[in-house]
């Protein structure tokens, strides 16, 4: 994420740097597919957000023609751009160039729930183009400040099964490790709280703590009154 612009946000993914000799086309293709999958996932998640009906859009019979959920419109472009810090009092990191401006124009002329991309950017996906599903044929679109261009709308994308399973396994391992760490931290916090309550009155155990300990003397984590 680079910044927010009104009700939109701008994001970028660096595939090739001018300071690096790494210009592997396969890496660019994989990165392109990855960001397409991310954008489509965002569109899918947005549909789970319900929005209040707009009274101005209501028909005479009281029905609303607009969908009751949130829809995203996405513009994607691939190419070089410049970056830098702008401003003195409130410095802001930003990206500049025709690549950025074209992406903004593609978003403005896009379709809901689709990723709008120029036809000239499709070859950058390389062999991963076969994993991208386009909505309909090529379209001629007029972009402000740019002119007429040929574009495509992406409606879906698949992923390599092995890569997906590996990423899923890694994510599960991370979640498991985090869960175990949180459980350990919770036990340590409960123990510290029990010791603090037990020694708060010159070593005397409070009645509530005594009840929560039970007959075994172990602190019960469900003793909400002690929190």
Protein backbone atom coordinates (compact mmCIF):
# COMPACT_ATOMS: atom_id res chain seq x y z
CA UNK A 1 0.00 0.00 0.00
CA UNK A 2 1.38 3.38 -1.02
CA UNK A 3 -1.40 5.80 -0.08
CA UNK A 4 -5.14 6.40 -0.04
CA UNK A 5 -6.84 8.59 -2.65
CA UNK A 6 -10.38 9.41 -1.66
CA UNK A 7 -12.26 6.11 -1.49
CA UNK A 8 -9.42 4.24 -3.21
CA UNK A 9 -5.96 3.07 -2.26
CA UNK A 10 -2.84 2.72 -4.33
CA UNK A 11 -0.57 -0.31 -4.08
CA UNK A 12 2.54 -1.48 -5.89
CA UNK A 13 4.81 -4.51 -6.10
CA UNK A 14 8.46 -4.22 -7.10
CA UNK A 15 9.55 -6.97 -9.48
CA UNK A 16 12.70 -5.54 -11.10
CA UNK A 17 14.87 -2.72 -9.79
CA UNK A 18 17.14 -0.54 -11.91
CA UNK A 19 19.81 -1.13 -9.25
CA UNK A 20 19.65 -4.90 -9.74
CA UNK A 21 20.73 -7.14 -12.60
CA UNK A 22 17.89 -9.54 -11.81
CA UNK A 23 15.48 -9.15 -14.74
CA UNK A 24 14.12 -12.70 -14.89
CA UNK A 25 10.89 -12.62 -16.98
CA UNK A 26 9.57 -15.60 -15.03
CA UNK A 27 9.83 -13.64 -11.80
CA UNK A 28 7.91 -10.75 -13.33
CA UNK A 29 5.24 -13.18 -14.57
CA UNK A 30 4.89 -14.83 -11.14
CA UNK A 31 4.71 -11.46 -9.41
CA UNK A 32 2.06 -10.32 -11.89
CA UNK A 33 -0.08 -13.39 -11.25
CA UNK A 34 0.37 -12.96 -7.50
CA UNK A 35 -0.89 -9.39 -7.50
CA UNK A 36 -3.83 -10.34 -9.75
CA UNK A 37 -4.79 -13.05 -7.26
CA UNK A 38 -4.51 -10.51 -4.44
CA UNK A 39 -6.74 -8.01 -6.26
CA UNK A 40 -9.39 -10.62 -7.10
CA UNK A 41 -9.35 -11.79 -3.50
CA UNK A 42 -9.93 -8.20 -2.36
CA UNK A 43 -12.91 -7.93 -4.73
CA UNK A 44 -14.30 -11.17 -3.33
CA UNK A 45 -13.90 -10.09 0.29
CA UNK A 46 -15.51 -6.72 -0.46
CA UNK A 47 -18.73 -8.48 -1.44
CA UNK A 48 -19.02 -9.64 2.14
CA UNK A 49 -19.36 -6.03 3.32
CA UNK A 50 -22.99 -4.90 3.35
CA UNK A 51 -23.67 -1.24 2.61
CA UNK A 52 -26.75 0.79 3.62
CA UNK A 53 -29.22 1.51 0.80
CA UNK A 54 -29.12 4.93 -0.81
CA UNK A 55 -32.62 6.51 -0.68
CA UNK A 56 -31.90 8.42 -3.89
CA UNK A 57 -31.47 5.11 -5.75
CA UNK A 58 -34.79 3.60 -4.68
CA UNK A 59 -37.30 2.78 -7.37
CA UNK A 60 -40.99 3.67 -7.26
CA UNK A 61 -41.82 0.21 -5.84
CA UNK A 62 -39.28 0.69 -3.06
CA UNK A 63 -36.66 -1.72 -4.42
CA UNK A 64 -32.99 -0.80 -4.82
CA UNK A 65 -31.33 -1.66 -8.17
CA UNK A 66 -27.84 -1.39 -6.68
CA UNK A 67 -26.27 -4.47 -5.01
CA UNK A 68 -26.50 -4.41 -1.19
CA UNK A 69 -22.81 -5.23 -0.88
CA UNK A 70 -19.58 -3.39 -1.60
CA UNK A 71 -18.03 -3.71 -5.07
CA UNK A 72 -14.47 -2.81 -6.01
CA UNK A 73 -13.19 -1.49 -9.32
CA UNK A 74 -9.51 -2.18 -10.00
CA UNK A 75 -7.02 -0.77 -12.49
CA UNK A 76 -3.71 -2.60 -12.96
CA UNK A 77 -0.69 -1.62 -15.03
CA UNK A 78 2.83 -3.01 -15.38
CA UNK A 79 5.85 -0.90 -16.18
CA UNK A 80 8.58 1.42 -14.86
CA UNK A 81 7.96 4.26 -12.43
CA UNK A 82 9.87 6.70 -10.24
CA UNK A 83 9.60 7.02 -6.47
CA UNK A 84 10.54 9.68 -3.96
CA UNK A 85 9.69 11.65 -0.84
CA UNK A 86 7.45 14.67 -1.38
CA UNK A 87 7.02 17.57 1.05
CA UNK A 88 8.90 19.10 3.96
CA UNK A 89 6.36 19.59 6.74
CA UNK A 90 4.48 16.35 6.00
CA UNK A 91 6.81 14.09 3.98
CA UNK A 92 5.03 11.48 1.88
CA UNK A 93 6.47 8.58 -0.07
CA UNK A 94 4.90 8.36 -3.52
CA UNK A 95 5.24 6.82 -6.98
CA UNK A 96 5.19 8.76 -10.25
CA UNK A 97 5.11 8.10 -13.97
CA UNK A 98 2.93 7.06 -16.88
CA UNK A 99 2.55 3.58 -15.39
CA UNK A 100 0.84 5.03 -12.31
CA UNK A 101 -1.31 7.48 -14.27
CA UNK A 102 -2.48 4.76 -16.66
CA UNK A 103 -3.44 2.49 -13.75
CA UNK A 104 -5.58 5.32 -12.34
CA UNK A 105 -7.30 5.80 -15.71
CA UNK A 106 -7.94 2.06 -15.98
CA UNK A 107 -9.58 2.08 -12.57
CA UNK A 108 -11.82 4.99 -13.54
CA UNK A 109 -13.02 3.17 -16.68
CA UNK A 110 -13.18 -0.30 -15.14
CA UNK A 111 -16.01 -2.66 -14.28
CA UNK A 112 -17.18 -3.64 -10.82
CA UNK A 113 -15.52 -6.81 -9.56
CA UNK A 114 -13.02 -6.91 -12.42
CA UNK A 115 -9.32 -6.06 -12.84
CA UNK A 116 -8.87 -3.69 -15.80
CA UNK A 117 -5.52 -4.09 -17.55
CA UNK A 118 -4.04 -2.91 -20.86
CA UNK A 119 -3.55 -5.44 -23.60
CA UNK A 120 0.09 -4.31 -23.85
CA UNK A 121 0.63 -5.44 -20.25
CA UNK A 122 -0.67 -8.98 -20.81
CA UNK A 123 2.62 -10.29 -22.35
CA UNK A 124 4.36 -9.48 -19.05
CA UNK A 125 2.45 -12.36 -17.48
CA UNK A 126 4.38 -14.74 -19.74
CA UNK A 127 3.43 -18.38 -19.36
CA UNK A 128 1.25 -17.49 -16.37
CA UNK A 129 -1.23 -15.93 -18.80
CA UNK A 130 -2.79 -19.39 -19.07
CA UNK A 131 -3.71 -19.10 -15.36
CA UNK A 132 -5.64 -15.85 -15.92
CA UNK A 133 -9.29 -15.82 -17.00
CA UNK A 134 -10.44 -12.84 -19.03
CA UNK A 135 -14.01 -11.55 -19.10
CA UNK A 136 -14.99 -11.35 -22.76
CA UNK A 137 -12.96 -10.13 -25.70
CA UNK A 138 -10.60 -7.19 -26.02
CA UNK A 139 -12.17 -3.76 -25.51
CA UNK A 140 -11.34 -0.37 -26.95
CA UNK A 141 -11.34 2.21 -24.16
CA UNK A 142 -10.68 5.95 -24.10
CA UNK A 143 -8.35 6.95 -21.26
CA UNK A 144 -8.21 10.58 -20.17
CA UNK A 145 -4.92 12.20 -21.17
CA UNK A 146 -3.77 9.03 -22.92
CA UNK A 147 -6.19 8.37 -25.77
CA UNK A 148 -7.70 5.18 -27.11
CA UNK A 149 -6.18 1.89 -26.00
CA UNK A 150 -6.99 -1.81 -26.09
CA UNK A 151 -7.73 -3.34 -22.70
CA UNK A 152 -8.90 -6.57 -21.07
CA UNK A 153 -10.94 -7.36 -17.96
CA UNK A 154 -9.68 -10.09 -15.64
CA UNK A 155 -12.39 -12.02 -13.82
CA UNK A 156 -10.41 -14.86 -12.27
CA UNK A 157 -7.01 -16.51 -11.83
CA UNK A 158 -5.78 -19.93 -10.80
CA UNK A 159 -2.55 -20.80 -9.03
CA UNK A 160 0.03 -23.56 -9.12
CA UNK A 161 -1.18 -26.40 -6.87
CA UNK A 162 2.23 -27.07 -5.36
CA UNK A 163 2.85 -23.39 -4.61
CA UNK A 164 -0.59 -23.05 -3.05
CA UNK A 165 -0.20 -26.11 -0.82
CA UNK A 166 3.26 -24.96 0.27
CA UNK A 167 2.00 -21.49 1.12
CA UNK A 168 -0.99 -22.98 2.95
CA UNK A 169 1.31 -25.26 4.96
CA UNK A 170 3.57 -22.33 5.83
CA UNK A 171 0.60 -20.20 6.88
CA UNK A 172 -0.70 -23.01 9.11
CA UNK A 173 2.72 -23.38 10.74
CA UNK A 174 2.90 -19.64 11.43
CA UNK A 175 -0.63 -19.59 12.87
CA UNK A 176 0.17 -22.60 15.05
CA UNK A 177 3.36 -21.00 16.37
CA UNK A 178 1.57 -17.72 17.09
CA UNK A 179 -1.28 -19.54 18.86
CA UNK A 180 1.17 -21.45 21.05
CA UNK A 181 3.01 -18.25 21.91
CA UNK A 182 -0.21 -16.45 22.83
CA UNK A 183 -1.28 -19.40 25.00
CA UNK A 184 2.07 -19.30 26.78
CA UNK A 185 1.78 -15.53 27.31
CA UNK A 186 -1.75 -15.97 28.70
CA UNK A 187 -0.55 -18.57 31.20
CA UNK A 188 2.32 -16.33 32.30
CA UNK A 189 -0.05 -13.38 32.73
CA UNK A 190 -2.48 -15.49 34.76
CA UNK A 191 0.34 -16.72 36.98
CA UNK A 192 1.66 -13.20 37.58
CA UNK A 193 -1.84 -11.97 38.39
CA UNK A 194 -2.39 -14.84 40.82
CA UNK A 195 0.90 -14.15 42.59
CA UNK A 196 0.12 -10.42 42.73
CA UNK A 197 -3.34 -11.02 44.22
CA UNK A 198 -1.99 -13.55 46.69
CA UNK A 199 0.63 -11.16 48.07
CA UNK A 200 -1.36 -7.92 47.88
CA UNK A 201 -2.46 -8.05 51.55
CA UNK A 202 0.78 -8.90 53.39
CA UNK A 203 0.82 -12.38 52.01
CA UNK A 204 -2.88 -13.05 52.65
CA UNK A 205 -4.86 -14.66 49.85
CA UNK A 206 -8.03 -12.81 48.92
CA UNK A 207 -11.34 -14.69 49.33
CA UNK A 208 -12.10 -14.53 45.62
CA UNK A 209 -8.69 -15.93 44.76
CA UNK A 210 -9.13 -18.70 47.33
CA UNK A 211 -12.45 -19.66 45.74
CA UNK A 212 -10.99 -19.61 42.25
CA UNK A 213 -8.08 -21.77 43.31
CA UNK A 214 -10.39 -24.59 44.40
CA UNK A 215 -9.18 -27.48 46.49
CA UNK A 216 -5.97 -27.98 44.51
CA UNK A 217 -4.76 -24.43 44.98
CA UNK A 218 -4.31 -23.92 41.21
CA UNK A 219 -5.49 -20.64 39.70
CA UNK A 220 -8.58 -21.10 37.53
CA UNK A 221 -8.43 -19.07 34.30
CA UNK A 222 -12.23 -18.73 34.24
CA UNK A 223 -12.38 -16.69 37.43
CA UNK A 224 -13.58 -13.53 35.71
CA UNK A 225 -14.10 -11.68 39.00
CA UNK A 226 -10.35 -11.67 39.61
CA UNK A 227 -9.59 -9.82 36.37
